């Protein structure tokens, strides 16, 4: 499987788990959360988030 496809599948599985966890923790039915992750695979890239020294206070 290509890297982009693997990342997309990883994000899809993680988001499905997150929806279930959010439903469990909030008591809000999962149907109220978007079915498709609103983020791109870019969030899985380690360089996506700023480094510690780049964070805004």
C-alpha atoms as a PDB file:
ATOM      1  CA  UNK A   1       0.000   0.000   0.000  1.00  0.00           C
ATOM      2  CA  UNK A   2       1.335   3.425  -0.869  1.00  0.00           C
ATOM      3  CA  UNK A   3       2.225   5.831   1.892  1.00  0.00           C
ATOM      4  CA  UNK A   4      -0.579   8.281   1.080  1.00  0.00           C
ATOM      5  CA  UNK A   5      -3.143   5.480   1.056  1.00  0.00           C
ATOM      6  CA  UNK A   6      -1.785   4.082   4.319  1.00  0.00           C
ATOM      7  CA  UNK A   7      -1.987   7.527   5.917  1.00  0.00           C
ATOM      8  CA  UNK A   8      -5.556   7.997   4.698  1.00  0.00           C
ATOM      9  CA  UNK A   9      -6.591   4.619   6.138  1.00  0.00           C
ATOM     10  CA  UNK A  10      -4.822   5.345   9.433  1.00  0.00           C
ATOM     11  CA  UNK A  11      -6.604   8.680   9.731  1.00  0.00           C
ATOM     12  CA  UNK A  12      -9.971   7.111   8.865  1.00  0.00           C
ATOM     13  CA  UNK A  13      -9.580   4.406  11.531  1.00  0.00           C
ATOM     14  CA  UNK A  14      -8.385   6.900  14.144  1.00  0.00           C
ATOM     15  CA  UNK A  15     -11.276   9.236  13.398  1.00  0.00           C
ATOM     16  CA  UNK A  16     -13.831   6.421  13.654  1.00  0.00           C
ATOM     17  CA  UNK A  17     -12.419   5.530  17.079  1.00  0.00           C
ATOM     18  CA  UNK A  18     -12.469   9.192  18.094  1.00  0.00           C
ATOM     19  CA  UNK A  19     -16.150   9.514  17.161  1.00  0.00           C
ATOM     20  CA  UNK A  20     -17.002   6.505  19.323  1.00  0.00           C
ATOM     21  CA  UNK A  21     -14.927   7.843  22.208  1.00  0.00           C
ATOM     22  CA  UNK A  22     -16.537  11.275  21.905  1.00  0.00           C
ATOM     23  CA  UNK A  23     -19.965   9.645  21.960  1.00  0.00           C
ATOM     24  CA  UNK A  24     -19.041   7.646  25.054  1.00  0.00           C
ATOM     25  CA  UNK A  25     -17.492  10.587  26.907  1.00  0.00           C
ATOM     26  CA  UNK A  26     -20.121  13.201  26.062  1.00  0.00           C
ATOM     27  CA  UNK A  27     -23.293  11.143  25.779  1.00  0.00           C
ATOM     28  CA  UNK A  28     -23.927  12.827  22.422  1.00  0.00           C
ATOM     29  CA  UNK A  29     -24.920  10.340  19.715  1.00  0.00           C
ATOM     30  CA  UNK A  30     -22.135   9.856  17.173  1.00  0.00           C
ATOM     31  CA  UNK A  31     -24.538  10.785  14.370  1.00  0.00           C
ATOM     32  CA  UNK A  32     -24.075  14.406  15.488  1.00  0.00           C
ATOM     33  CA  UNK A  33     -20.347  14.268  14.724  1.00  0.00           C
ATOM     34  CA  UNK A  34     -19.164  14.485  11.094  1.00  0.00           C
ATOM     35  CA  UNK A  35     -18.957  11.028   9.482  1.00  0.00           C
ATOM     36  CA  UNK A  36     -15.878  12.025   7.514  1.00  0.00           C
ATOM     37  CA  UNK A  37     -12.827  13.448   9.262  1.00  0.00           C
ATOM     38  CA  UNK A  38     -12.686  17.205   8.613  1.00  0.00           C
ATOM     39  CA  UNK A  39      -8.861  17.126   8.592  1.00  0.00           C
ATOM     40  CA  UNK A  40      -6.436  15.994   5.914  1.00  0.00           C
ATOM     41  CA  UNK A  41      -3.694  13.398   6.325  1.00  0.00           C
ATOM     42  CA  UNK A  42      -1.296  16.323   6.844  1.00  0.00           C
ATOM     43  CA  UNK A  43      -2.067  16.223  10.569  1.00  0.00           C
ATOM     44  CA  UNK A  44      -0.279  12.844  10.733  1.00  0.00           C
ATOM     45  CA  UNK A  45       2.970  14.447   9.565  1.00  0.00           C
ATOM     46  CA  UNK A  46       5.321  14.979  12.507  1.00  0.00           C
ATOM     47  CA  UNK A  47       6.243  18.380  11.084  1.00  0.00           C
ATOM     48  CA  UNK A  48       2.616  19.536  10.990  1.00  0.00           C
ATOM     49  CA  UNK A  49       2.548  20.935  14.499  1.00  0.00           C
ATOM     50  CA  UNK A  50       4.934  23.715  15.535  1.00  0.00           C
ATOM     51  CA  UNK A  51       8.040  22.866  17.469  1.00  0.00           C
ATOM     52  CA  UNK A  52       8.060  23.594  21.192  1.00  0.00           C
ATOM     53  CA  UNK A  53       9.992  26.853  20.747  1.00  0.00           C
ATOM     54  CA  UNK A  54       7.586  28.055  18.008  1.00  0.00           C
ATOM     55  CA  UNK A  55       4.430  27.906  20.130  1.00  0.00           C
ATOM     56  CA  UNK A  56       2.593  31.133  20.736  1.00  0.00           C
ATOM     57  CA  UNK A  57       1.989  31.993  24.395  1.00  0.00           C
END
